[in-house]
Amino acid sequence: MSSSKVVVGLCLVGLAALAAYAYQAQRTPVPPAPAAAGASAPAKPVPRPTAVEAAEVRIVAMPDELSAVGTLASSQSVIVRPEIAGRVAAIGFRDGARVERGALMFRLDDATQRAELAQALAALELARSDATRTEDLFRRKFVSGSARDQADANLQVARAAVELARARLARSRIHAPFSGVAGIRRVSVGDYVKEGADLVNLEDLSSLKVDFRVPESNLGKIGTGQSVAVSVDAWPSRSFDAVVEAIDPQIDAQGRAVLLRARIDNRDNLLRPGLFARVRLLLEARPAVLSVPEEALIPTAEGQFVFVVDGELVRRIEVETGVRRDTRVEIRHGLEPGMRVVTAGQIKLRDGAPVTVAAPPAARDGAAR
C-alpha cells in the first residue's frame, strides 16, 4: 500500500512539472529565424493600370461662323390699293395664282370716267376747230393776234382736259406692278371700295431676302458676297444657301449691331415670306484645324488640360483652346496630330499613371454583334 502511494505521488509531481513548463513556453516569444545571406527585402506593390477610353487628335474643317436670327421677306411685296373710290366691276386673277407684270387685277365701275372722257374729247374737237378758224381769220387780217392766242390757249386747255379724263379712266383699272403671286383677295365683285383700301397682296417669290444683325465687333470681318446658310423650321433637315448683298452703313446705337441683308434663290418655291430663319454667316473657311472631342478637356482654375496616352502611361498637358463646333474643340497650342487623348476615366488619373486603353462603347457593341 505504501509503495502505491509513492508511485501516485511521483506521477502528480511529474504532471505539475509538465504543466509549468508548458505555461512558461507559451509566454516566451520565439526569436525570428535569421535571414539567409543575400536575400532581398520584399518589393513594393505595383499599381494596377486604369482602364480609360481615348480618341485621336484630328485635323478637321472648322469654319469661323456667326449665328443670328431673322425673318424671310419677299424680294418685292406690295398691297394693291385703288387710287379712286368706286365699285368693283371685275377681278382678273385667282387667289394664290401667279400674276404677270401688267396684267389686269381689278376693274372698277368706269361709267362716270368714260363719260368725262367723251365730254373732254368733244370739247377738244370744238377747240381745235375754233383754233383753225381763228388762225385763218388772222391771216386775212379779220381778227387780232390776241384772239388767235386765246383760241390756241383754249385748244391747249381742251387737250389737258382729255389727258385728265384718260388718267381718271386709267385709275379705274388696277394692273400688277410686277410679276408675282397674288394673295387672298379681300373684296368681291360688287363691293364698293374707298381710295386706299386694301384689296390684295402681291409677292415676288422668285428670291427672298433675310435681314439679320451681327455684333459690331465683327465689322472688319463682314462684307458683301459672303456665304450664308439659312435654316427654317418648315424644312428642318435642309439648309438654304444665301449671299450677303448689302450692309447697312449705320450701326444700331441701341444694340451695337450691324444690319445685313442676304438674298436666297427661291426658284423651287419652297420658302415663304414671314418664316423665322436661323442664319449662319461664314467669316472664314478654315479647312484644317487641330481638334479633340470636347469630353477630353479638363477645366481647372489654372487653365484647360488633357491627358495624353504615351505608351502605357499618361501625361497631363496644358492646352490652349479655340472655337467649339458640334462636339469638337479647336486646339491652338499644346498637341500634335496623331496624339491620343483620354476621353473617359480622367477622374482617376494623375500625371504618369499607368493605363490600358479600352475600346469605346460603340466599338465594343459593334464587335459583340
Protein backbone atom coordinates (compact mmCIF):
# COMPACT_ATOMS: atom_id res chain seq x y z
CA MET A 1 0.00 0.00 0.00
CA SER A 2 2.83 2.39 0.84
CA SER A 3 4.58 1.71 -2.49
CA SER A 4 1.36 2.58 -4.39
CA LYS A 5 1.12 5.91 -2.69
CA VAL A 6 4.73 6.66 -3.60
CA VAL A 7 4.03 5.96 -7.30
CA VAL A 8 0.91 8.16 -7.33
CA GLY A 9 2.82 11.00 -5.69
CA LEU A 10 5.62 10.80 -8.25
CA CYS A 11 3.07 10.93 -11.09
CA LEU A 12 1.40 14.03 -9.67
CA VAL A 13 4.77 15.79 -9.28
CA GLY A 14 5.66 14.96 -12.93
CA LEU A 15 2.33 16.28 -14.24
CA ALA A 16 2.77 19.54 -12.33
CA ALA A 17 6.30 19.97 -13.78
CA LEU A 18 5.00 19.43 -17.32
CA ALA A 19 2.18 21.97 -16.83
CA ALA A 20 4.65 24.59 -15.50
CA TYR A 21 6.95 24.05 -18.48
CA ALA A 22 4.12 24.37 -20.99
CA TYR A 23 2.89 27.61 -19.38
CA GLN A 24 6.40 29.12 -19.47
CA ALA A 25 6.90 28.09 -23.11
CA GLN A 26 3.74 29.92 -24.22
CA ARG A 27 4.81 33.19 -22.55
CA THR A 28 8.36 33.29 -24.02
CA PRO A 29 8.41 34.72 -27.68
CA VAL A 30 10.23 32.69 -30.28
CA PRO A 31 13.04 34.76 -31.91
CA PRO A 32 12.76 35.13 -35.72
CA ALA A 33 14.96 32.97 -37.81
CA PRO A 34 17.96 34.85 -39.21
CA ALA A 35 17.63 35.94 -42.84
CA ALA A 36 19.55 33.91 -45.31
CA ALA A 37 22.63 35.53 -46.75
CA GLY A 38 21.94 37.50 -49.93
CA ALA A 39 18.10 37.61 -49.56
CA SER A 40 16.42 40.94 -50.72
CA ALA A 41 13.64 42.90 -48.97
CA PRO A 42 10.06 42.38 -50.30
CA ALA A 43 9.20 44.71 -53.33
CA LYS A 44 6.51 47.42 -53.13
CA PRO A 45 3.15 46.56 -54.80
CA VAL A 46 2.86 47.77 -58.43
CA PRO A 47 -0.26 49.96 -59.07
CA ARG A 48 -2.84 48.41 -61.36
CA PRO A 49 -3.42 50.19 -64.73
CA THR A 50 -6.60 52.28 -65.04
CA ALA A 51 -8.94 51.44 -67.89
CA VAL A 52 -9.67 54.54 -69.99
CA GLU A 53 -11.08 55.48 -73.39
CA ALA A 54 -9.04 57.56 -75.83
CA ALA A 55 -9.51 59.42 -79.11
CA GLU A 56 -7.04 60.65 -81.70
CA VAL A 57 -6.17 64.32 -82.18
CA ARG A 58 -7.51 65.03 -85.67
CA ILE A 59 -7.41 67.80 -88.27
CA VAL A 60 -10.94 68.77 -89.32
CA ALA A 61 -12.69 71.60 -91.14
CA MET A 62 -13.97 74.08 -88.56
CA PRO A 63 -15.23 77.24 -90.31
CA ASP A 64 -15.41 80.52 -88.42
CA GLU A 65 -19.11 81.38 -88.35
CA LEU A 66 -21.55 83.81 -86.78
CA SER A 67 -25.06 82.78 -85.79
CA ALA A 68 -28.06 85.10 -85.93
CA VAL A 69 -31.82 85.06 -86.45
CA GLY A 70 -34.02 86.87 -88.92
CA THR A 71 -37.28 86.79 -90.86
CA LEU A 72 -37.72 85.98 -94.52
CA ALA A 73 -39.25 88.66 -96.75
CA SER A 74 -40.27 88.79 -100.39
CA SER A 75 -37.93 90.23 -102.97
CA GLN A 76 -40.79 92.61 -103.83
CA SER A 77 -44.04 92.96 -101.92
CA VAL A 78 -46.99 95.29 -102.29
CA ILE A 79 -50.56 95.61 -101.08
CA VAL A 80 -52.71 96.53 -104.07
CA ARG A 81 -54.89 99.58 -103.33
CA PRO A 82 -57.14 101.73 -105.56
CA GLU A 83 -56.34 105.40 -106.12
CA ILE A 84 -60.01 106.31 -106.52
CA ALA A 85 -63.24 105.19 -104.88
CA GLY A 86 -65.65 103.01 -106.83
CA ARG A 87 -67.49 99.74 -107.16
CA VAL A 88 -65.56 96.60 -108.14
CA ALA A 89 -66.74 95.59 -111.62
CA ALA A 90 -64.30 92.75 -112.43
CA ILE A 91 -61.44 90.75 -110.89
CA GLY A 92 -58.79 89.40 -113.24
CA PHE A 93 -56.96 86.76 -111.16
CA ARG A 94 -57.48 83.76 -108.89
CA ASP A 95 -56.45 83.74 -105.24
CA GLY A 96 -52.94 82.37 -104.82
CA ALA A 97 -52.26 82.30 -108.57
CA ARG A 98 -49.28 83.75 -110.39
CA VAL A 99 -49.83 87.16 -111.97
CA GLU A 100 -47.62 88.58 -114.70
CA ARG A 101 -46.47 92.17 -114.73
CA GLY A 102 -49.05 94.49 -116.32
CA ALA A 103 -51.92 92.01 -116.01
CA LEU A 104 -55.34 93.46 -115.08
CA MET A 105 -56.12 92.62 -111.46
CA PHE A 106 -59.19 94.81 -110.70
CA ARG A 107 -61.53 96.98 -112.75
CA LEU A 108 -63.76 99.49 -111.04
CA ASP A 109 -67.02 100.76 -112.50
CA ASP A 110 -65.86 103.37 -115.01
CA ALA A 111 -69.12 104.74 -116.46
CA THR A 112 -68.51 108.20 -114.99
CA GLN A 113 -64.89 108.31 -116.17
CA ARG A 114 -65.90 107.24 -119.69
CA ALA A 115 -68.48 109.99 -119.85
CA GLU A 116 -65.95 112.56 -118.66
CA LEU A 117 -63.52 111.39 -121.35
CA ALA A 118 -66.19 111.67 -124.05
CA GLN A 119 -67.05 115.18 -122.89
CA ALA A 120 -63.38 116.18 -122.91
CA LEU A 121 -62.91 114.76 -126.41
CA ALA A 122 -65.90 116.74 -127.72
CA ALA A 123 -64.56 119.93 -126.13
CA LEU A 124 -61.19 119.25 -127.68
CA GLU A 125 -62.69 118.86 -131.13
CA LEU A 126 -64.56 122.12 -130.73
CA ALA A 127 -61.44 123.94 -129.52
CA ARG A 128 -59.42 122.54 -132.42
CA SER A 129 -61.98 123.79 -134.98
CA ASP A 130 -62.15 127.18 -133.30
CA ALA A 131 -58.37 127.49 -133.34
CA THR A 132 -58.27 126.59 -137.05
CA ARG A 133 -60.87 129.20 -137.98
CA THR A 134 -59.21 131.86 -135.85
CA GLU A 135 -55.86 131.17 -137.49
CA ASP A 136 -57.45 131.56 -140.96
CA LEU A 137 -59.14 134.82 -140.00
CA PHE A 138 -55.91 136.12 -138.50
CA ARG A 139 -54.04 135.52 -141.77
CA ARG A 140 -56.73 137.52 -143.63
CA LYS A 141 -56.48 140.32 -141.03
CA PHE A 142 -60.06 139.88 -139.77
CA VAL A 143 -59.10 139.17 -136.10
CA SER A 144 -56.38 140.42 -133.86
CA GLY A 145 -53.40 138.50 -132.59
CA SER A 146 -54.88 138.31 -129.10
CA ALA A 147 -57.92 136.47 -130.47
CA ARG A 148 -55.62 133.92 -132.13
CA ASP A 149 -53.69 133.49 -128.88
CA GLN A 150 -56.91 132.96 -126.94
CA ALA A 151 -58.03 130.28 -129.39
CA ASP A 152 -54.65 128.48 -129.06
CA ALA A 153 -54.89 128.61 -125.26
CA ASN A 154 -58.40 127.15 -125.36
CA LEU A 155 -57.07 124.31 -127.52
CA GLN A 156 -54.31 123.53 -125.01
CA VAL A 157 -56.81 123.53 -122.14
CA ALA A 158 -59.03 121.11 -124.05
CA ARG A 159 -56.12 118.80 -124.68
CA ALA A 160 -55.19 118.85 -120.99
CA ALA A 161 -58.79 118.05 -120.09
CA VAL A 162 -58.66 114.98 -122.33
CA GLU A 163 -55.45 113.76 -120.67
CA LEU A 164 -57.01 114.29 -117.24
CA ALA A 165 -60.11 112.30 -118.21
CA ARG A 166 -57.96 109.49 -119.59
CA ALA A 167 -55.92 109.43 -116.35
CA ARG A 168 -59.08 109.15 -114.29
CA LEU A 169 -60.30 106.36 -116.51
CA ALA A 170 -56.95 104.54 -116.20
CA ARG A 171 -57.19 104.70 -112.41
CA SER A 172 -60.30 102.58 -112.56
CA ARG A 173 -58.12 99.74 -113.84
CA ILE A 174 -55.51 98.27 -111.46
CA HIS A 175 -52.64 96.35 -113.07
CA ALA A 176 -49.91 94.22 -111.48
CA PRO A 177 -46.78 96.35 -110.91
CA PHE A 178 -44.50 93.28 -111.17
CA SER A 179 -44.74 89.54 -111.72
CA GLY A 180 -45.57 87.61 -108.57
CA VAL A 181 -48.06 85.50 -106.67
CA ALA A 182 -51.36 87.05 -105.64
CA GLY A 183 -52.60 86.56 -102.11
CA ILE A 184 -56.15 86.07 -100.90
CA ARG A 185 -58.32 88.97 -102.07
CA ARG A 186 -60.32 90.91 -99.53
CA VAL A 187 -63.11 92.15 -101.82
CA SER A 188 -65.55 90.65 -104.30
CA VAL A 189 -67.28 91.88 -107.42
CA GLY A 190 -69.89 94.46 -106.46
CA ASP A 191 -68.08 95.73 -103.34
CA TYR A 192 -67.73 99.47 -103.02
CA VAL A 193 -64.17 100.37 -102.05
CA LYS A 194 -62.74 103.67 -100.93
CA GLU A 195 -59.48 105.03 -102.26
CA GLY A 196 -56.53 103.46 -100.46
CA ALA A 197 -58.49 100.38 -99.31
CA ASP A 198 -56.55 97.07 -99.13
CA LEU A 199 -57.57 94.77 -101.98
CA VAL A 200 -54.92 92.00 -102.13
CA ASN A 201 -51.20 91.47 -101.52
CA LEU A 202 -48.80 90.63 -104.33
CA GLU A 203 -45.49 88.85 -103.56
CA ASP A 204 -42.46 88.22 -105.76
CA LEU A 205 -41.21 84.82 -104.56
CA SER A 206 -38.51 84.21 -107.17
CA SER A 207 -35.98 85.20 -104.50
CA LEU A 208 -36.29 86.05 -100.82
CA LYS A 209 -34.30 88.35 -98.59
CA VAL A 210 -33.41 87.90 -94.94
CA ASP A 211 -32.27 90.73 -92.68
CA PHE A 212 -30.18 89.89 -89.60
CA ARG A 213 -27.82 91.62 -87.17
CA VAL A 214 -24.29 90.76 -86.05
CA PRO A 215 -22.24 92.37 -83.24
CA GLU A 216 -20.31 95.48 -84.20
CA SER A 217 -17.05 93.79 -83.15
CA ASN A 218 -17.27 91.74 -86.38
CA LEU A 219 -17.45 94.78 -88.65
CA GLY A 220 -13.95 94.13 -90.01
CA LYS A 221 -14.80 90.51 -90.91
CA ILE A 222 -18.02 91.00 -92.87
CA GLY A 223 -18.53 92.02 -96.48
CA THR A 224 -20.87 91.65 -99.43
CA GLY A 225 -20.67 88.36 -101.29
CA GLN A 226 -20.09 86.23 -98.16
CA SER A 227 -21.91 82.92 -97.93
CA VAL A 228 -24.85 82.49 -95.57
CA ALA A 229 -26.58 79.24 -94.56
CA VAL A 230 -30.27 79.67 -93.71
CA SER A 231 -32.43 77.08 -91.94
CA VAL A 232 -36.16 77.23 -91.16
CA ASP A 233 -38.48 75.11 -89.03
CA ALA A 234 -40.62 74.29 -92.08
CA TRP A 235 -37.70 72.30 -93.56
CA PRO A 236 -35.69 71.12 -90.52
CA SER A 237 -33.43 68.78 -92.50
CA ARG A 238 -32.43 71.32 -95.18
CA SER A 239 -30.13 74.30 -95.37
CA PHE A 240 -30.61 77.05 -97.94
CA ASP A 241 -27.72 78.98 -99.46
CA ALA A 242 -27.78 82.77 -99.46
CA VAL A 243 -25.35 85.58 -100.24
CA VAL A 244 -24.86 88.88 -98.40
CA GLU A 245 -25.90 91.65 -100.80
CA ALA A 246 -25.99 94.74 -98.59
CA ILE A 247 -24.64 96.06 -95.27
CA ASP A 248 -26.35 98.96 -93.54
CA PRO A 249 -23.88 101.87 -93.31
CA GLN A 250 -25.23 102.89 -89.90
CA ILE A 251 -24.63 100.82 -86.76
CA ASP A 252 -27.54 100.44 -84.37
CA ALA A 253 -26.62 102.60 -81.37
CA GLN A 254 -29.03 100.74 -79.07
CA GLY A 255 -27.95 97.16 -79.69
CA ARG A 256 -24.45 97.90 -81.03
CA ALA A 257 -25.12 95.67 -84.04
CA VAL A 258 -24.74 95.84 -87.81
CA LEU A 259 -27.71 95.11 -90.07
CA LEU A 260 -27.03 92.81 -93.04
CA ARG A 261 -29.28 91.67 -95.87
CA ALA A 262 -28.81 88.37 -97.68
CA ARG A 263 -30.69 87.02 -100.69
CA ILE A 264 -31.89 83.43 -101.21
CA ASP A 265 -32.70 81.90 -104.58
CA ASN A 266 -36.26 80.56 -104.24
CA ARG A 267 -36.97 79.33 -107.74
CA ASP A 268 -38.05 75.96 -106.32
CA ASN A 269 -40.75 77.87 -104.38
CA LEU A 270 -40.12 76.07 -101.07
CA LEU A 271 -39.84 79.14 -98.84
CA ARG A 272 -42.42 81.76 -97.94
CA PRO A 273 -42.17 85.32 -96.62
CA GLY A 274 -42.54 85.64 -92.86
CA LEU A 275 -40.76 82.40 -91.93
CA PHE A 276 -38.47 82.58 -88.90
CA ALA A 277 -34.91 81.93 -90.06
CA ARG A 278 -31.71 80.85 -88.34
CA VAL A 279 -28.68 82.31 -90.07
CA ARG A 280 -25.03 81.20 -90.08
CA LEU A 281 -22.66 83.71 -91.66
CA LEU A 282 -19.37 82.21 -92.90
CA LEU A 283 -16.47 84.50 -91.96
CA GLU A 284 -13.55 82.17 -92.78
CA ALA A 285 -13.47 78.65 -94.24
CA ARG A 286 -10.57 77.21 -92.10
CA PRO A 287 -10.44 73.74 -93.71
CA ALA A 288 -7.60 72.35 -91.49
CA VAL A 289 -8.00 72.85 -87.72
CA LEU A 290 -6.46 70.72 -84.94
CA SER A 291 -9.26 69.43 -82.71
CA VAL A 292 -10.17 66.98 -79.94
CA PRO A 293 -13.51 65.75 -78.56
CA GLU A 294 -14.84 68.20 -76.00
CA GLU A 295 -15.06 65.47 -73.33
CA ALA A 296 -11.26 65.22 -73.35
CA LEU A 297 -10.86 68.67 -71.76
CA ILE A 298 -10.30 69.03 -68.01
CA PRO A 299 -11.14 72.60 -66.92
CA THR A 300 -9.25 73.88 -63.86
CA ALA A 301 -8.55 77.21 -62.24
CA GLU A 302 -5.14 77.23 -63.94
CA GLY A 303 -6.48 76.51 -67.43
CA GLN A 304 -7.53 73.64 -69.70
CA PHE A 305 -5.72 70.29 -69.56
CA VAL A 306 -5.84 66.92 -71.29
CA PHE A 307 -4.28 63.52 -70.55
CA VAL A 308 -2.23 62.20 -73.48
CA VAL A 309 -1.61 58.46 -73.77
CA ASP A 310 2.16 57.85 -74.08
CA GLY A 311 2.77 54.12 -74.32
CA GLU A 312 1.35 52.57 -71.17
CA LEU A 313 1.38 55.83 -69.20
CA VAL A 314 -0.41 59.18 -69.46
CA ARG A 315 0.94 62.72 -69.46
CA ARG A 316 -1.01 65.75 -68.26
CA ILE A 317 -0.63 68.58 -70.80
CA GLU A 318 -1.98 72.12 -70.72
CA VAL A 319 -3.68 73.21 -73.96
CA GLU A 320 -4.95 76.44 -75.49
CA THR A 321 -8.45 76.07 -76.94
CA GLY A 322 -10.32 77.97 -79.64
CA VAL A 323 -13.83 77.74 -81.02
CA ARG A 324 -16.21 74.86 -80.40
CA ARG A 325 -18.16 73.28 -83.23
CA ASP A 326 -20.61 70.42 -82.73
CA THR A 327 -18.81 68.03 -80.32
CA ARG A 328 -15.21 69.06 -81.04
CA VAL A 329 -12.94 71.81 -79.71
CA GLU A 330 -10.18 73.62 -81.56
CA ILE A 331 -6.69 73.18 -80.05
CA ARG A 332 -4.43 76.14 -80.81
CA HIS A 333 -1.41 75.04 -78.78
CA GLY A 334 -0.18 72.02 -76.81
CA LEU A 335 -0.95 68.99 -79.01
CA GLU A 336 0.15 67.45 -82.30
CA PRO A 337 -1.84 65.48 -84.89
CA GLY A 338 -1.97 61.76 -84.19
CA MET A 339 -1.70 62.00 -80.40
CA ARG A 340 -4.27 60.11 -78.35
CA VAL A 341 -6.13 61.93 -75.58
CA VAL A 342 -8.16 60.33 -72.80
CA THR A 343 -11.90 60.92 -73.24
CA ALA A 344 -13.25 58.82 -70.35
CA GLY A 345 -11.78 57.87 -66.99
CA GLN A 346 -9.76 61.05 -66.35
CA ILE A 347 -11.08 61.46 -62.81
CA LYS A 348 -8.95 58.50 -61.64
CA LEU A 349 -5.75 59.63 -63.34
CA ARG A 350 -2.67 61.58 -62.36
CA ASP A 351 0.41 62.56 -64.33
CA GLY A 352 2.45 59.41 -65.14
CA ALA A 353 -0.26 56.93 -64.14
CA PRO A 354 -0.40 53.55 -65.99
CA VAL A 355 -3.43 53.00 -68.20
CA THR A 356 -4.99 50.48 -70.53
CA VAL A 357 -6.97 51.90 -73.41
CA ALA A 358 -10.36 50.26 -73.84
CA ALA A 359 -12.48 50.44 -76.96
CA PRO A 360 -15.33 52.99 -76.81
CA PRO A 361 -18.79 51.57 -76.06
CA ALA A 362 -19.94 51.89 -79.67
CA ALA A 363 -16.95 49.87 -80.93
CA ARG A 364 -17.47 47.21 -78.25
CA ASP A 365 -21.14 46.86 -79.10
CA GLY A 366 -20.31 46.52 -82.80
CA ALA A 367 -17.69 43.86 -82.11
CA ALA A 368 -20.13 41.90 -79.93
CA ARG A 369 -22.70 41.89 -82.73
